[in-house]
Amino acid sequence: MPTSTADPWHALSDPTRRRVLARVAQAPSSVTEIARGLPVSRPAVSQHLRVLLDARLVYVRREGREHVYRPRPEGLEQLRQELETFWAQTLTHLKTVAEQTYLGPPGSQGDPT
């Protein structure tokens, strides 16, 4: 499993990693808490968390003997902005296609023949 990626989209391409991030987003959690109920080992969860750290999607803070992970809002905001851009482009394209379909082929409006 690669552990050094700065691309948040690549980091989230793994379904287990998305589940790890979802658990961190629910509440600040230790590796043990995150691993509970997942079908992977604690060391595997640690590797997934390293990838999420590299992608700047989570923070980690040492609390006593544990490392506690929290979501990184600015990393998630970057993803949200990119998704909004894709969505806006898709809606603009859909509007253009709908208008062309509604108006018919060029030259068909007002054509008495």
PDB file of N, CA and C in Angstrom:
ATOM      1  N   MET A   1       0.852  -1.177   0.000  1.00  0.00           N
ATOM      2  CA  MET A   1       0.000   0.000   0.000  1.00  0.00           C
ATOM      3  C   MET A   1       0.898   1.239   0.000  1.00  0.00           C
ATOM      4  N   PRO A   2       0.724   2.171  -0.966  1.00  0.00           N
ATOM      5  CA  PRO A   2       1.543   3.372  -0.983  1.00  0.00           C
ATOM      6  C   PRO A   2       1.218   4.237   0.224  1.00  0.00           C
ATOM      7  N   THR A   3       2.262   4.866   0.763  1.00  0.00           N
ATOM      8  CA  THR A   3       2.035   5.708   1.938  1.00  0.00           C
ATOM      9  C   THR A   3       2.421   7.156   1.704  1.00  0.00           C
ATOM     10  N   SER A   4       2.798   7.521   0.499  1.00  0.00           N
ATOM     11  CA  SER A   4       3.184   8.918   0.298  1.00  0.00           C
ATOM     12  C   SER A   4       2.490   9.470  -0.941  1.00  0.00           C
ATOM     13  N   THR A   5       1.330  10.023  -0.721  1.00  0.00           N
ATOM     14  CA  THR A   5       0.606  10.669  -1.800  1.00  0.00           C
ATOM     15  C   THR A   5       0.077  11.989  -1.279  1.00  0.00           C
ATOM     16  N   ALA A   6       0.157  13.006  -2.085  1.00  0.00           N
ATOM     17  CA  ALA A   6      -0.382  14.297  -1.686  1.00  0.00           C
ATOM     18  C   ALA A   6      -1.738  14.538  -2.335  1.00  0.00           C
ATOM     19  N   ASP A   7      -2.170  13.639  -3.209  1.00  0.00           N
ATOM     20  CA  ASP A   7      -3.424  13.819  -3.924  1.00  0.00           C
ATOM     21  C   ASP A   7      -4.580  13.270  -3.099  1.00  0.00           C
ATOM     22  N   PRO A   8      -5.465  14.139  -2.605  1.00  0.00           N
ATOM     23  CA  PRO A   8      -6.566  13.642  -1.786  1.00  0.00           C
ATOM     24  C   PRO A   8      -7.514  12.718  -2.540  1.00  0.00           C
ATOM     25  N   TRP A   9      -7.670  12.920  -3.849  1.00  0.00           N
ATOM     26  CA  TRP A   9      -8.539  12.032  -4.627  1.00  0.00           C
ATOM     27  C   TRP A   9      -7.951  10.626  -4.672  1.00  0.00           C
ATOM     28  N   HIS A  10      -6.652  10.536  -4.838  1.00  0.00           N
ATOM     29  CA  HIS A  10      -5.999   9.231  -4.832  1.00  0.00           C
ATOM     30  C   HIS A  10      -6.132   8.595  -3.455  1.00  0.00           C
ATOM     31  N   ALA A  11      -5.953   9.383  -2.413  1.00  0.00           N
ATOM     32  CA  ALA A  11      -6.087   8.860  -1.049  1.00  0.00           C
ATOM     33  C   ALA A  11      -7.475   8.289  -0.811  1.00  0.00           C
ATOM     34  N   LEU A  12      -8.491   8.908  -1.380  1.00  0.00           N
ATOM     35  CA  LEU A  12      -9.866   8.464  -1.163  1.00  0.00           C
ATOM     36  C   LEU A  12     -10.328   7.414  -2.163  1.00  0.00           C
ATOM     37  N   SER A  13      -9.431   6.990  -3.054  1.00  0.00           N
ATOM     38  CA  SER A  13      -9.815   5.981  -4.039  1.00  0.00           C
ATOM     39  C   SER A  13      -9.972   4.601  -3.405  1.00  0.00           C
ATOM     40  N   ASP A  14      -9.443   4.425  -2.230  1.00  0.00           N
ATOM     41  CA  ASP A  14      -9.537   3.141  -1.544  1.00  0.00           C
ATOM     42  C   ASP A  14     -10.767   3.128  -0.626  1.00  0.00           C
ATOM     43  N   PRO A  15     -11.661   2.155  -0.771  1.00  0.00           N
ATOM     44  CA  PRO A  15     -12.887   2.132   0.036  1.00  0.00           C
ATOM     45  C   PRO A  15     -12.631   2.011   1.541  1.00  0.00           C
ATOM     46  N   THR A  16     -11.609   1.267   1.924  1.00  0.00           N
ATOM     47  CA  THR A  16     -11.303   1.164   3.357  1.00  0.00           C
ATOM     48  C   THR A  16     -10.850   2.512   3.896  1.00  0.00           C
ATOM     49  N   ARG A  17     -10.067   3.219   3.105  1.00  0.00           N
ATOM     50  CA  ARG A  17      -9.590   4.537   3.535  1.00  0.00           C
ATOM     51  C   ARG A  17     -10.756   5.502   3.682  1.00  0.00           C
ATOM     52  N   ARG A  18     -11.747   5.394   2.802  1.00  0.00           N
ATOM     53  CA  ARG A  18     -12.932   6.252   2.944  1.00  0.00           C
ATOM     54  C   ARG A  18     -13.675   5.925   4.236  1.00  0.00           C
ATOM     55  N   ARG A  19     -13.730   4.643   4.576  1.00  0.00           N
ATOM     56  CA  ARG A  19     -14.371   4.250   5.838  1.00  0.00           C
ATOM     57  C   ARG A  19     -13.594   4.781   7.036  1.00  0.00           C
ATOM     58  N   VAL A  20     -12.263   4.738   6.952  1.00  0.00           N
ATOM     59  CA  VAL A  20     -11.424   5.281   8.028  1.00  0.00           C
ATOM     60  C   VAL A  20     -11.697   6.767   8.177  1.00  0.00           C
ATOM     61  N   LEU A  21     -11.721   7.498   7.065  1.00  0.00           N
ATOM     62  CA  LEU A  21     -11.987   8.936   7.124  1.00  0.00           C
ATOM     63  C   LEU A  21     -13.384   9.212   7.678  1.00  0.00           C
ATOM     64  N   ALA A  22     -14.357   8.406   7.296  1.00  0.00           N
ATOM     65  CA  ALA A  22     -15.716   8.592   7.808  1.00  0.00           C
ATOM     66  C   ALA A  22     -15.756   8.429   9.327  1.00  0.00           C
ATOM     67  N   ARG A  23     -15.003   7.479   9.841  1.00  0.00           N
ATOM     68  CA  ARG A  23     -14.958   7.296  11.298  1.00  0.00           C
ATOM     69  C   ARG A  23     -14.293   8.480  11.977  1.00  0.00           C
ATOM     70  N   VAL A  24     -13.231   8.989  11.385  1.00  0.00           N
ATOM     71  CA  VAL A  24     -12.547  10.156  11.952  1.00  0.00           C
ATOM     72  C   VAL A  24     -13.479  11.370  11.909  1.00  0.00           C
ATOM     73  N   ALA A  25     -14.264  11.479  10.847  1.00  0.00           N
ATOM     74  CA  ALA A  25     -15.185  12.614  10.715  1.00  0.00           C
ATOM     75  C   ALA A  25     -16.303  12.562  11.749  1.00  0.00           C
ATOM     76  N   GLN A  26     -16.668  11.373  12.213  1.00  0.00           N
ATOM     77  CA  GLN A  26     -17.714  11.246  13.226  1.00  0.00           C
ATOM     78  C   GLN A  26     -17.261  11.782  14.573  1.00  0.00           C
ATOM     79  N   ALA A  27     -16.003  11.508  14.926  1.00  0.00           N
ATOM     80  CA  ALA A  27     -15.467  11.950  16.210  1.00  0.00           C
ATOM     81  C   ALA A  27     -13.959  11.748  16.212  1.00  0.00           C
ATOM     82  N   PRO A  28     -13.219  12.615  16.897  1.00  0.00           N
ATOM     83  CA  PRO A  28     -11.784  12.377  17.035  1.00  0.00           C
ATOM     84  C   PRO A  28     -11.562  10.977  17.599  1.00  0.00           C
ATOM     85  N   SER A  29     -10.617  10.243  16.995  1.00  0.00           N
ATOM     86  CA  SER A  29     -10.470   8.831  17.346  1.00  0.00           C
ATOM     87  C   SER A  29      -9.023   8.388  17.319  1.00  0.00           C
ATOM     88  N   SER A  30      -8.723   7.401  18.132  1.00  0.00           N
ATOM     89  CA  SER A  30      -7.412   6.748  18.112  1.00  0.00           C
ATOM     90  C   SER A  30      -7.431   5.641  17.059  1.00  0.00           C
ATOM     91  N   VAL A  31      -6.265   5.119  16.755  1.00  0.00           N
ATOM     92  CA  VAL A  31      -6.173   4.018  15.793  1.00  0.00           C
ATOM     93  C   VAL A  31      -7.002   2.830  16.278  1.00  0.00           C
ATOM     94  N   THR A  32      -6.930   2.541  17.564  1.00  0.00           N
ATOM     95  CA  THR A  32      -7.689   1.413  18.121  1.00  0.00           C
ATOM     96  C   THR A  32      -9.185   1.615  17.926  1.00  0.00           C
ATOM     97  N   GLU A  33      -9.664   2.827  18.191  1.00  0.00           N
ATOM     98  CA  GLU A  33     -11.098   3.117  18.019  1.00  0.00           C
ATOM     99  C   GLU A  33     -11.505   3.024  16.551  1.00  0.00           C
ATOM    100  N   ILE A  34     -10.669   3.525  15.676  1.00  0.00           N
ATOM    101  CA  ILE A  34     -10.969   3.497  14.249  1.00  0.00           C
ATOM    102  C   ILE A  34     -10.991   2.061  13.746  1.00  0.00           C
ATOM    103  N   ALA A  35     -10.039   1.249  14.202  1.00  0.00           N
ATOM    104  CA  ALA A  35      -9.916  -0.132  13.716  1.00  0.00           C
ATOM    105  C   ALA A  35     -11.042  -1.025  14.213  1.00  0.00           C
ATOM    106  N   ARG A  36     -11.664  -0.656  15.327  1.00  0.00           N
ATOM    107  CA  ARG A  36     -12.725  -1.490  15.893  1.00  0.00           C
ATOM    108  C   ARG A  36     -13.855  -1.650  14.880  1.00  0.00           C
ATOM    109  N   GLY A  37     -14.139  -2.877  14.522  1.00  0.00           N
ATOM    110  CA  GLY A  37     -15.233  -3.154  13.595  1.00  0.00           C
ATOM    111  C   GLY A  37     -14.846  -3.119  12.129  1.00  0.00           C
ATOM    112  N   LEU A  38     -13.624  -2.710  11.812  1.00  0.00           N
ATOM    113  CA  LEU A  38     -13.179  -2.738  10.415  1.00  0.00           C
ATOM    114  C   LEU A  38     -12.544  -4.094  10.112  1.00  0.00           C
ATOM    115  N   PRO A  39     -12.626  -4.541   8.875  1.00  0.00           N
ATOM    116  CA  PRO A  39     -12.069  -5.849   8.528  1.00  0.00           C
ATOM    117  C   PRO A  39     -10.567  -5.810   8.248  1.00  0.00           C
ATOM    118  N   VAL A  40      -9.860  -4.858   8.850  1.00  0.00           N
ATOM    119  CA  VAL A  40      -8.407  -4.752   8.667  1.00  0.00           C
ATOM    120  C   VAL A  40      -7.746  -4.597  10.033  1.00  0.00           C
ATOM    121  N   SER A  41      -6.460  -4.877  10.086  1.00  0.00           N
ATOM    122  CA  SER A  41      -5.713  -4.815  11.342  1.00  0.00           C
ATOM    123  C   SER A  41      -5.410  -3.367  11.739  1.00  0.00           C
ATOM    124  N   ARG A  42      -5.018  -3.196  12.995  1.00  0.00           N
ATOM    125  CA  ARG A  42      -4.607  -1.862  13.449  1.00  0.00           C
ATOM    126  C   ARG A  42      -3.418  -1.333  12.649  1.00  0.00           C
ATOM    127  N   PRO A  43      -2.396  -2.167  12.361  1.00  0.00           N
ATOM    128  CA  PRO A  43      -1.303  -1.652  11.527  1.00  0.00           C
ATOM    129  C   PRO A  43      -1.784  -1.190  10.146  1.00  0.00           C
ATOM    130  N   ALA A  44      -2.747  -1.904   9.571  1.00  0.00           N
ATOM    131  CA  ALA A  44      -3.283  -1.487   8.267  1.00  0.00           C
ATOM    132  C   ALA A  44      -4.015  -0.153   8.401  1.00  0.00           C
ATOM    133  N   VAL A  45      -4.774   0.020   9.482  1.00  0.00           N
ATOM    134  CA  VAL A  45      -5.458   1.297   9.711  1.00  0.00           C
ATOM    135  C   VAL A  45      -4.417   2.412   9.848  1.00  0.00           C
ATOM    136  N   SER A  46      -3.324   2.146  10.542  1.00  0.00           N
ATOM    137  CA  SER A  46      -2.253   3.149  10.675  1.00  0.00           C
ATOM    138  C   SER A  46      -1.694   3.539   9.315  1.00  0.00           C
ATOM    139  N   GLN A  47      -1.532   2.556   8.424  1.00  0.00           N
ATOM    140  CA  GLN A  47      -1.032   2.863   7.076  1.00  0.00           C
ATOM    141  C   GLN A  47      -2.044   3.724   6.314  1.00  0.00           C
ATOM    142  N   HIS A  48      -3.314   3.397   6.435  1.00  0.00           N
ATOM    143  CA  HIS A  48      -4.343   4.209   5.771  1.00  0.00           C
ATOM    144  C   HIS A  48      -4.337   5.635   6.335  1.00  0.00           C
ATOM    145  N   LEU A  49      -4.175   5.758   7.630  1.00  0.00           N
ATOM    146  CA  LEU A  49      -4.139   7.089   8.247  1.00  0.00           C
ATOM    147  C   LEU A  49      -2.919   7.882   7.777  1.00  0.00           C
ATOM    148  N   ARG A  50      -1.787   7.206   7.558  1.00  0.00           N
ATOM    149  CA  ARG A  50      -0.607   7.901   7.028  1.00  0.00           C
ATOM    150  C   ARG A  50      -0.886   8.489   5.645  1.00  0.00           C
ATOM    151  N   VAL A  51      -1.586   7.732   4.822  1.00  0.00           N
ATOM    152  CA  VAL A  51      -1.938   8.232   3.481  1.00  0.00           C
ATOM    153  C   VAL A  51      -2.872   9.441   3.614  1.00  0.00           C
ATOM    154  N   LEU A  52      -3.848   9.353   4.507  1.00  0.00           N
ATOM    155  CA  LEU A  52      -4.764  10.481   4.727  1.00  0.00           C
ATOM    156  C   LEU A  52      -4.027  11.696   5.281  1.00  0.00           C
ATOM    157  N   LEU A  53      -3.032  11.468   6.120  1.00  0.00           N
ATOM    158  CA  LEU A  53      -2.199  12.572   6.619  1.00  0.00           C
ATOM    159  C   LEU A  53      -1.421  13.225   5.484  1.00  0.00           C
ATOM    160  N   ASP A  54      -0.785  12.393   4.643  1.00  0.00           N
ATOM    161  CA  ASP A  54      -0.020  12.914   3.505  1.00  0.00           C
ATOM    162  C   ASP A  54      -0.905  13.726   2.558  1.00  0.00           C
ATOM    163  N   ALA A  55      -2.153  13.298   2.430  1.00  0.00           N
ATOM    164  CA  ALA A  55      -3.097  13.987   1.548  1.00  0.00           C
ATOM    165  C   ALA A  55      -3.741  15.186   2.230  1.00  0.00           C
ATOM    166  N   ARG A  56      -3.368  15.433   3.467  1.00  0.00           N
ATOM    167  CA  ARG A  56      -3.853  16.585   4.244  1.00  0.00           C
ATOM    168  C   ARG A  56      -5.363  16.526   4.486  1.00  0.00           C
ATOM    169  N   LEU A  57      -5.858  15.320   4.728  1.00  0.00           N
ATOM    170  CA  LEU A  57      -7.285  15.152   5.008  1.00  0.00           C
ATOM    171  C   LEU A  57      -7.569  14.955   6.493  1.00  0.00           C
ATOM    172  N   VAL A  58      -6.519  14.653   7.276  1.00  0.00           N
ATOM    173  CA  VAL A  58      -6.672  14.495   8.722  1.00  0.00           C
ATOM    174  C   VAL A  58      -5.498  15.151   9.439  1.00  0.00           C
ATOM    175  N   TYR A  59      -5.734  15.483  10.698  1.00  0.00           N
ATOM    176  CA  TYR A  59      -4.702  15.928  11.634  1.00  0.00           C
ATOM    177  C   TYR A  59      -4.460  14.798  12.616  1.00  0.00           C
ATOM    178  N   VAL A  60      -3.298  14.799  13.250  1.00  0.00           N
ATOM    179  CA  VAL A  60      -3.053  13.859  14.340  1.00  0.00           C
ATOM    180  C   VAL A  60      -2.437  14.644  15.497  1.00  0.00           C
ATOM    181  N   ARG A  61      -2.858  14.268  16.707  1.00  0.00           N
ATOM    182  CA  ARG A  61      -2.306  14.895  17.905  1.00  0.00           C
ATOM    183  C   ARG A  61      -2.077  13.806  18.947  1.00  0.00           C
ATOM    184  N   ARG A  62      -0.949  13.878  19.582  1.00  0.00           N
ATOM    185  CA  ARG A  62      -0.632  12.901  20.622  1.00  0.00           C
ATOM    186  C   ARG A  62      -1.346  13.302  21.910  1.00  0.00           C
ATOM    187  N   GLU A  63      -2.096  12.361  22.444  1.00  0.00           N
ATOM    188  CA  GLU A  63      -2.779  12.566  23.716  1.00  0.00           C
ATOM    189  C   GLU A  63      -2.400  11.403  24.626  1.00  0.00           C
ATOM    190  N   GLY A  64      -1.464  11.657  25.511  1.00  0.00           N
ATOM    191  CA  GLY A  64      -0.938  10.580  26.342  1.00  0.00           C
ATOM    192  C   GLY A  64      -0.166   9.602  25.483  1.00  0.00           C
ATOM    193  N   ARG A  65      -0.559   8.340  25.533  1.00  0.00           N
ATOM    194  CA  ARG A  65       0.119   7.318  24.734  1.00  0.00           C
ATOM    195  C   ARG A  65      -0.525   7.118  23.366  1.00  0.00           C
ATOM    196  N   GLU A  66      -1.627   7.764  23.122  1.00  0.00           N
ATOM    197  CA  GLU A  66      -2.358   7.544  21.870  1.00  0.00           C
ATOM    198  C   GLU A  66      -2.187   8.709  20.899  1.00  0.00           C
ATOM    199  N   HIS A  67      -2.349   8.382  19.639  1.00  0.00           N
ATOM    200  CA  HIS A  67      -2.449   9.389  18.587  1.00  0.00           C
ATOM    201  C   HIS A  67      -3.936   9.518  18.252  1.00  0.00           C
ATOM    202  N   VAL A  68      -4.445  10.723  18.325  1.00  0.00           N
ATOM    203  CA  VAL A  68      -5.863  10.952  18.059  1.00  0.00           C
ATOM    204  C   VAL A  68      -5.979  11.697  16.736  1.00  0.00           C
ATOM    205  N   TYR A  69      -6.814  11.178  15.856  1.00  0.00           N
ATOM    206  CA  TYR A  69      -6.982  11.722  14.514  1.00  0.00           C
ATOM    207  C   TYR A  69      -8.274  12.517  14.425  1.00  0.00           C
ATOM    208  N   ARG A  70      -8.187  13.643  13.722  1.00  0.00           N
ATOM    209  CA  ARG A  70      -9.340  14.518  13.497  1.00  0.00           C
ATOM    210  C   ARG A  70      -9.381  14.881  12.014  1.00  0.00           C
ATOM    211  N   PRO A  71     -10.563  15.190  11.501  1.00  0.00           N
ATOM    212  CA  PRO A  71     -10.621  15.622  10.097  1.00  0.00           C
ATOM    213  C   PRO A  71      -9.944  16.979   9.930  1.00  0.00           C
ATOM    214  N   ARG A  72      -9.392  17.205   8.780  1.00  0.00           N
ATOM    215  CA  ARG A  72      -8.740  18.483   8.474  1.00  0.00           C
ATOM    216  C   ARG A  72      -9.683  19.266   7.566  1.00  0.00           C
ATOM    217  N   PRO A  73     -10.397  20.251   8.115  1.00  0.00           N
ATOM    218  CA  PRO A  73     -11.432  20.957   7.340  1.00  0.00           C
ATOM    219  C   PRO A  73     -10.929  21.576   6.038  1.00  0.00           C
ATOM    220  N   GLU A  74      -9.742  22.143   6.039  1.00  0.00           N
ATOM    221  CA  GLU A  74      -9.273  22.797   4.801  1.00  0.00           C
ATOM    222  C   GLU A  74      -8.972  21.791   3.696  1.00  0.00           C
ATOM    223  N   GLY A  75      -8.536  20.590   4.059  1.00  0.00           N
ATOM    224  CA  GLY A  75      -8.325  19.553   3.053  1.00  0.00           C
ATOM    225  C   GLY A  75      -9.639  19.077   2.464  1.00  0.00           C
ATOM    226  N   LEU A  76     -10.633  18.921   3.326  1.00  0.00           N
ATOM    227  CA  LEU A  76     -11.959  18.524   2.867  1.00  0.00           C
ATOM    228  C   LEU A  76     -12.611  19.641   2.057  1.00  0.00           C
ATOM    229  N   GLU A  77     -12.345  20.889   2.429  1.00  0.00           N
ATOM    230  CA  GLU A  77     -12.898  22.033   1.690  1.00  0.00           C
ATOM    231  C   GLU A  77     -12.373  22.060   0.261  1.00  0.00           C
ATOM    232  N   GLN A  78     -11.097  21.735   0.083  1.00  0.00           N
ATOM    233  CA  GLN A  78     -10.523  21.696  -1.267  1.00  0.00           C
ATOM    234  C   GLN A  78     -11.271  20.677  -2.134  1.00  0.00           C
ATOM    235  N   LEU A  79     -11.559  19.510  -1.582  1.00  0.00           N
ATOM    236  CA  LEU A  79     -12.310  18.487  -2.319  1.00  0.00           C
ATOM    237  C   LEU A  79     -13.711  18.987  -2.652  1.00  0.00           C
ATOM    238  N   ARG A  80     -14.357  19.630  -1.679  1.00  0.00           N
ATOM    239  CA  ARG A  80     -15.711  20.141  -1.894  1.00  0.00           C
ATOM    240  C   ARG A  80     -15.724  21.175  -3.021  1.00  0.00           C
ATOM    241  N   GLN A  81     -14.740  22.065  -3.031  1.00  0.00           N
ATOM    242  CA  GLN A  81     -14.672  23.083  -4.089  1.00  0.00           C
ATOM    243  C   GLN A  81     -14.480  22.448  -5.458  1.00  0.00           C
ATOM    244  N   GLU A  82     -13.625  21.434  -5.530  1.00  0.00           N
ATOM    245  CA  GLU A  82     -13.422  20.751  -6.813  1.00  0.00           C
ATOM    246  C   GLU A  82     -14.707  20.075  -7.274  1.00  0.00           C
ATOM    247  N   LEU A  83     -15.417  19.433  -6.355  1.00  0.00           N
ATOM    248  CA  LEU A  83     -16.685  18.794  -6.712  1.00  0.00           C
ATOM    249  C   LEU A  83     -17.708  19.827  -7.174  1.00  0.00           C
ATOM    250  N   GLU A  84     -17.756  20.976  -6.513  1.00  0.00           N
ATOM    251  CA  GLU A  84     -18.688  22.023  -6.926  1.00  0.00           C
ATOM    252  C   GLU A  84     -18.361  22.527  -8.326  1.00  0.00           C
ATOM    253  N   THR A  85     -17.076  22.623  -8.645  1.00  0.00           N
ATOM    254  CA  THR A  85     -16.671  23.039  -9.992  1.00  0.00           C
ATOM    255  C   THR A  85     -17.142  22.016 -11.025  1.00  0.00           C
ATOM    256  N   PHE A  86     -16.912  20.727 -10.747  1.00  0.00           N
ATOM    257  CA  PHE A  86     -17.367  19.678 -11.665  1.00  0.00           C
ATOM    258  C   PHE A  86     -18.887  19.744 -11.832  1.00  0.00           C
ATOM    259  N   TRP A  87     -19.590  19.918 -10.726  1.00  0.00           N
ATOM    260  CA  TRP A  87     -21.054  19.945 -10.754  1.00  0.00           C
ATOM    261  C   TRP A  87     -21.543  21.148 -11.561  1.00  0.00           C
ATOM    262  N   ALA A  88     -20.950  22.313 -11.353  1.00  0.00           N
ATOM    263  CA  ALA A  88     -21.352  23.514 -12.096  1.00  0.00           C
ATOM    264  C   ALA A  88     -21.124  23.317 -13.596  1.00  0.00           C
ATOM    265  N   GLN A  89     -19.990  22.723 -13.958  1.00  0.00           N
ATOM    266  CA  GLN A  89     -19.709  22.462 -15.374  1.00  0.00           C
ATOM    267  C   GLN A  89     -20.729  21.489 -15.956  1.00  0.00           C
ATOM    268  N   THR A  90     -21.080  20.466 -15.199  1.00  0.00           N
ATOM    269  CA  THR A  90     -22.055  19.485 -15.658  1.00  0.00           C
ATOM    270  C   THR A  90     -23.417  20.132 -15.857  1.00  0.00           C
ATOM    271  N   LEU A  91     -23.839  20.962 -14.917  1.00  0.00           N
ATOM    272  CA  LEU A  91     -25.135  21.639 -15.041  1.00  0.00           C
ATOM    273  C   LEU A  91     -25.150  22.591 -16.228  1.00  0.00           C
ATOM    274  N   THR A  92     -24.052  23.292 -16.462  1.00  0.00           N
ATOM    275  CA  THR A  92     -23.965  24.197 -17.618  1.00  0.00           C
ATOM    276  C   THR A  92     -24.088  23.399 -18.916  1.00  0.00           C
ATOM    277  N   HIS A  93     -23.392  22.267 -18.977  1.00  0.00           N
ATOM    278  CA  HIS A  93     -23.461  21.413 -20.170  1.00  0.00           C
ATOM    279  C   HIS A  93     -24.880  20.867 -20.358  1.00  0.00           C
ATOM    280  N   LEU A  94     -25.495  20.427 -19.283  1.00  0.00           N
ATOM    281  CA  LEU A  94     -26.858  19.905 -19.341  1.00  0.00           C
ATOM    282  C   LEU A  94     -27.822  20.982 -19.832  1.00  0.00           C
ATOM    283  N   LYS A  95     -27.651  22.201 -19.356  1.00  0.00           N
ATOM    284  CA  LYS A  95     -28.506  23.321 -19.784  1.00  0.00           C
ATOM    285  C   LYS A  95     -28.356  23.542 -21.288  1.00  0.00           C
ATOM    286  N   THR A  96     -27.123  23.531 -21.776  1.00  0.00           N
ATOM    287  CA  THR A  96     -26.869  23.726 -23.201  1.00  0.00           C
ATOM    288  C   THR A  96     -27.526  22.624 -24.028  1.00  0.00           C
ATOM    289  N   VAL A  97     -27.368  21.381 -23.597  1.00  0.00           N
ATOM    290  CA  VAL A  97     -27.967  20.255 -24.324  1.00  0.00           C
ATOM    291  C   VAL A  97     -29.492  20.363 -24.302  1.00  0.00           C
ATOM    292  N   ALA A  98     -30.057  20.707 -23.149  1.00  0.00           N
ATOM    293  CA  ALA A  98     -31.514  20.823 -23.030  1.00  0.00           C
ATOM    294  C   ALA A  98     -32.042  21.943 -23.930  1.00  0.00           C
ATOM    295  N   GLU A  99     -31.342  23.069 -23.956  1.00  0.00           N
ATOM    296  CA  GLU A  99     -31.781  24.178 -24.810  1.00  0.00           C
ATOM    297  C   GLU A  99     -31.702  23.798 -26.283  1.00  0.00           C
ATOM    298  N   GLN A 100     -30.642  23.106 -26.669  1.00  0.00           N
ATOM    299  CA  GLN A 100     -30.507  22.693 -28.069  1.00  0.00           C
ATOM    300  C   GLN A 100     -31.584  21.681 -28.436  1.00  0.00           C
ATOM    301  N   THR A 101     -31.901  20.788 -27.529  1.00  0.00           N
ATOM    302  CA  THR A 101     -32.930  19.789 -27.781  1.00  0.00           C
ATOM    303  C   THR A 101     -34.298  20.444 -27.876  1.00  0.00           C
ATOM    304  N   TYR A 102     -34.576  21.375 -27.007  1.00  0.00           N
ATOM    305  CA  TYR A 102     -35.870  22.053 -26.983  1.00  0.00           C
ATOM    306  C   TYR A 102     -36.053  22.928 -28.223  1.00  0.00           C
ATOM    307  N   LEU A 103     -34.998  23.604 -28.623  1.00  0.00           N
ATOM    308  CA  LEU A 103     -35.084  24.508 -29.767  1.00  0.00           C
ATOM    309  C   LEU A 103     -35.045  23.752 -31.088  1.00  0.00           C
ATOM    310  N   GLY A 104     -34.594  22.531 -31.051  1.00  0.00           N
ATOM    311  CA  GLY A 104     -34.495  21.751 -32.282  1.00  0.00           C
ATOM    312  C   GLY A 104     -33.189  22.047 -32.986  1.00  0.00           C
ATOM    313  N   PRO A 105     -32.990  21.401 -34.142  1.00  0.00           N
ATOM    314  CA  PRO A 105     -31.745  21.614 -34.883  1.00  0.00           C
ATOM    315  C   PRO A 105     -31.659  23.053 -35.402  1.00  0.00           C
ATOM    316  N   PRO A 106     -30.457  23.541 -35.643  1.00  0.00           N
ATOM    317  CA  PRO A 106     -30.296  24.912 -36.145  1.00  0.00           C
ATOM    318  C   PRO A 106     -31.100  25.107 -37.432  1.00  0.00           C
ATOM    319  N   GLY A 107     -31.771  26.231 -37.511  1.00  0.00           N
ATOM    320  CA  GLY A 107     -32.536  26.566 -38.705  1.00  0.00           C
ATOM    321  C   GLY A 107     -33.958  26.021 -38.692  1.00  0.00           C
ATOM    322  N   SER A 108     -34.355  25.268 -37.656  1.00  0.00           N
ATOM    323  CA  SER A 108     -35.691  24.674 -37.670  1.00  0.00           C
ATOM    324  C   SER A 108     -36.733  25.607 -37.085  1.00  0.00           C
ATOM    325  N   GLN A 109     -36.345  26.578 -36.286  1.00  0.00           N
ATOM    326  CA  GLN A 109     -37.317  27.487 -35.684  1.00  0.00           C
ATOM    327  C   GLN A 109     -37.784  28.526 -36.709  1.00  0.00           C
ATOM    328  N   GLY A 110     -39.018  28.691 -36.758  1.00  0.00           N
ATOM    329  CA  GLY A 110     -39.568  29.709 -37.651  1.00  0.00           C
ATOM    330  C   GLY A 110     -39.464  29.353 -39.115  1.00  0.00           C
ATOM    331  N   ASP A 111     -39.044  28.156 -39.440  1.00  0.00           N
ATOM    332  CA  ASP A 111     -38.890  27.727 -40.817  1.00  0.00           C
ATOM    333  C   ASP A 111     -40.256  27.219 -41.312  1.00  0.00           C
ATOM    334  N   PRO A 112     -40.915  27.938 -42.244  1.00  0.00           N
ATOM    335  CA  PRO A 112     -42.260  27.560 -42.662  1.00  0.00           C
ATOM    336  C   PRO A 112     -42.305  26.277 -43.486  1.00  0.00           C
ATOM    337  N   THR A 113     -41.168  25.737 -43.909  1.00  0.00           N
ATOM    338  CA  THR A 113     -41.191  24.546 -44.761  1.00  0.00           C
ATOM    339  C   THR A 113     -41.188  23.282 -43.998  1.00  0.00           C
TER     340      THR A 113
END
